[in-house]
């Protein structure tokens, strides 16, 4: 990525159908002053069709390098072969990973890390957001929630700096 560039990659969540297998690998190489805003999220599947956590496997690997240094390696594998996903994920229907890196995202990343450290997740909460610092100016955020709408709101709140930065609200035309 070019110096001082910013990539904002915020797709809709993956909604795997029963018996689906999905694998992805996202790799980013950032210049020292470049920024990245990345969301990778997954729903439990097509619940209205009775396919809650009924996929075979979902694998996601995210690797972010900045100035040649690995600042984030995130790997998630959810596989039915390892045991019932429904039992393991309990009340949660959505999982998300948010990666914020570089100067554009630095203030939001710091705010999320500070909030996460100040208030540990409540027991049996319907929404859990935890954040850890990465690199010199960034955060790795994990979100678990009971609905796509709920997690979507949490992501939009966390990324509140994006619409002013873009001069447009990319979520205004969603859902």
Protein backbone atom coordinates (compact mmCIF):
# COMPACT_ATOMS: atom_id res chain seq x y z
CA UNK A 1 0.00 0.00 0.00
CA UNK A 2 1.25 3.48 -0.84
CA UNK A 3 2.64 5.81 1.78
CA UNK A 4 -0.18 7.53 3.71
CA UNK A 5 -2.77 5.43 1.86
CA UNK A 6 -5.80 3.99 3.63
CA UNK A 7 -7.66 0.80 2.75
CA UNK A 8 -11.12 0.38 4.26
CA UNK A 9 -12.35 -3.19 3.77
CA UNK A 10 -15.73 -3.74 5.44
CA UNK A 11 -17.77 -6.41 3.62
CA UNK A 12 -21.10 -7.86 4.72
CA UNK A 13 -20.85 -10.89 7.02
CA UNK A 14 -20.33 -14.38 5.68
CA UNK A 15 -23.57 -16.40 5.97
CA UNK A 16 -22.61 -20.06 5.44
CA UNK A 17 -25.26 -22.60 4.49
CA UNK A 18 -25.51 -26.13 5.93
CA UNK A 19 -22.52 -28.32 5.01
CA UNK A 20 -20.63 -25.33 3.55
CA UNK A 21 -16.85 -25.14 3.65
CA UNK A 22 -15.17 -21.76 3.39
CA UNK A 23 -11.52 -20.77 3.57
CA UNK A 24 -9.95 -17.37 3.10
CA UNK A 25 -6.59 -15.77 3.62
CA UNK A 26 -6.27 -11.98 3.77
CA UNK A 27 -2.75 -10.54 3.66
CA UNK A 28 -1.85 -6.88 3.79
CA UNK A 29 1.51 -5.14 3.48
CA UNK A 30 1.29 -1.57 4.74
CA UNK A 31 3.78 1.21 4.21
CA UNK A 32 4.97 2.86 7.46
CA UNK A 33 2.36 5.65 7.27
CA UNK A 34 -0.44 3.66 5.62
CA UNK A 35 -3.68 2.74 7.38
CA UNK A 36 -6.00 -0.25 7.31
CA UNK A 37 -9.56 -0.67 8.52
CA UNK A 38 -10.59 -4.31 8.14
CA UNK A 39 -13.69 -6.19 9.23
CA UNK A 40 -14.06 -9.94 8.87
CA UNK A 41 -17.30 -11.29 10.27
CA UNK A 42 -19.39 -14.39 10.21
CA UNK A 43 -22.96 -15.26 11.11
CA UNK A 44 -24.16 -18.63 12.35
CA UNK A 45 -25.80 -19.32 8.99
CA UNK A 46 -29.31 -19.25 7.60
CA UNK A 47 -31.18 -19.48 10.91
CA UNK A 48 -34.63 -19.18 9.33
CA UNK A 49 -33.85 -22.42 7.46
CA UNK A 50 -32.70 -24.20 10.61
CA UNK A 51 -29.06 -23.96 9.60
CA UNK A 52 -27.65 -22.34 12.74
CA UNK A 53 -23.96 -23.34 13.01
CA UNK A 54 -24.60 -26.23 10.59
CA UNK A 55 -21.73 -25.54 8.17
CA UNK A 56 -18.83 -28.01 7.93
CA UNK A 57 -16.02 -25.50 8.35
CA UNK A 58 -15.01 -21.88 8.11
CA UNK A 59 -11.35 -20.91 8.13
CA UNK A 60 -10.04 -17.37 8.05
CA UNK A 61 -6.47 -16.13 8.29
CA UNK A 62 -5.59 -12.45 8.47
CA UNK A 63 -1.98 -11.28 8.33
CA UNK A 64 -1.00 -7.62 8.44
CA UNK A 65 2.56 -6.39 7.98
CA UNK A 66 3.53 -2.77 8.43
CA UNK A 67 6.91 -1.51 7.31
CA UNK A 68 7.95 -5.14 6.82
CA UNK A 69 7.01 -6.19 10.37
CA UNK A 70 4.17 -8.59 11.20
CA UNK A 71 1.77 -6.66 13.44
CA UNK A 72 -1.27 -8.95 13.32
CA UNK A 73 -1.78 -12.64 12.70
CA UNK A 74 -5.34 -13.75 13.31
CA UNK A 75 -6.48 -17.28 12.50
CA UNK A 76 -9.93 -18.70 13.15
CA UNK A 77 -11.10 -22.20 12.33
CA UNK A 78 -14.60 -23.36 13.19
CA UNK A 79 -15.12 -26.97 12.17
CA UNK A 80 -18.01 -29.30 12.92
CA UNK A 81 -15.51 -32.16 12.98
CA UNK A 82 -14.09 -30.68 16.21
CA UNK A 83 -17.44 -30.91 18.01
CA UNK A 84 -20.85 -29.29 17.89
CA UNK A 85 -20.55 -25.64 16.89
CA UNK A 86 -23.98 -24.96 18.38
CA UNK A 87 -22.83 -26.18 21.79
CA UNK A 88 -19.47 -24.45 21.63
CA UNK A 89 -20.81 -21.07 20.50
CA UNK A 90 -23.87 -21.11 22.73
CA UNK A 91 -25.98 -17.98 22.54
CA UNK A 92 -23.73 -16.22 20.03
CA UNK A 93 -24.79 -16.02 16.40
CA UNK A 94 -22.15 -13.62 15.09
CA UNK A 95 -18.38 -13.40 15.41
CA UNK A 96 -16.31 -10.52 14.08
CA UNK A 97 -12.70 -9.49 13.86
CA UNK A 98 -11.80 -5.83 13.34
CA UNK A 99 -8.24 -4.75 12.59
CA UNK A 100 -7.31 -1.08 12.83
CA UNK A 101 -3.80 -0.03 11.86
CA UNK A 102 -2.04 3.21 11.02
CA UNK A 103 -2.62 6.89 11.64
CA UNK A 104 -6.16 7.12 10.23
CA UNK A 105 -7.40 4.45 12.66
CA UNK A 106 -5.06 5.16 15.59
CA UNK A 107 -7.44 7.20 17.76
CA UNK A 108 -10.31 4.72 17.32
CA UNK A 109 -7.98 1.81 18.07
CA UNK A 110 -6.69 3.47 21.23
CA UNK A 111 -10.25 4.24 22.37
CA UNK A 112 -11.32 0.61 21.86
CA UNK A 113 -8.28 -0.78 23.67
CA UNK A 114 -8.80 1.63 26.60
CA UNK A 115 -12.52 0.78 26.85
CA UNK A 116 -11.78 -2.94 26.71
CA UNK A 117 -9.19 -2.70 29.48
CA UNK A 118 -11.44 -0.54 31.67
CA UNK A 119 -14.50 -2.77 31.53
CA UNK A 120 -14.02 -6.54 31.30
CA UNK A 121 -16.91 -8.36 29.59
CA UNK A 122 -19.93 -9.02 31.76
CA UNK A 123 -20.83 -12.62 32.44
CA UNK A 124 -23.50 -13.88 30.00
CA UNK A 125 -23.48 -10.60 28.06
CA UNK A 126 -25.24 -10.62 24.69
CA UNK A 127 -22.42 -8.55 23.18
CA UNK A 128 -18.75 -8.93 23.98
CA UNK A 129 -16.11 -6.58 22.57
CA UNK A 130 -12.45 -7.05 23.48
CA UNK A 131 -9.51 -5.15 22.01
CA UNK A 132 -5.75 -5.40 22.19
CA UNK A 133 -3.10 -3.06 20.79
CA UNK A 134 -1.14 -4.04 17.68
CA UNK A 135 1.81 -2.36 16.06
CA UNK A 136 2.61 1.21 16.95
CA UNK A 137 -0.85 2.60 16.16
CA UNK A 138 -3.55 -0.01 16.00
CA UNK A 139 -5.93 -2.47 17.56
CA UNK A 140 -7.12 -6.02 17.07
CA UNK A 141 -10.76 -6.26 18.12
CA UNK A 142 -12.94 -9.35 18.60
CA UNK A 143 -16.71 -9.12 18.79
CA UNK A 144 -19.26 -11.81 19.65
CA UNK A 145 -22.95 -11.08 19.63
CA UNK A 146 -26.40 -12.57 19.43
CA UNK A 147 -27.50 -10.90 16.17
CA UNK A 148 -26.09 -9.48 12.95
CA UNK A 149 -27.83 -6.19 13.63
CA UNK A 150 -26.34 -5.91 17.11
CA UNK A 151 -22.79 -6.69 15.96
CA UNK A 152 -23.26 -4.43 12.93
CA UNK A 153 -24.17 -1.53 15.25
CA UNK A 154 -21.10 -2.25 17.42
CA UNK A 155 -18.87 -2.26 14.32
CA UNK A 156 -20.40 0.98 13.00
CA UNK A 157 -19.94 2.59 16.43
CA UNK A 158 -16.31 1.45 16.58
CA UNK A 159 -15.74 2.77 13.06
CA UNK A 160 -17.51 6.09 13.62
CA UNK A 161 -14.48 7.91 12.20
CA UNK A 162 -14.94 6.29 8.74
CA UNK A 163 -17.85 8.41 7.37
CA UNK A 164 -16.16 11.76 8.16
CA UNK A 165 -12.88 10.43 6.73
CA UNK A 166 -14.61 9.31 3.50
CA UNK A 167 -16.96 12.28 3.29
CA UNK A 168 -19.81 9.77 2.92
CA UNK A 169 -21.53 7.19 5.09
CA UNK A 170 -20.99 3.74 3.54
CA UNK A 171 -23.58 2.25 5.91
CA UNK A 172 -26.37 4.68 4.97
CA UNK A 173 -27.41 2.44 2.08
CA UNK A 174 -27.17 -0.85 4.00
CA UNK A 175 -29.94 -2.98 5.42
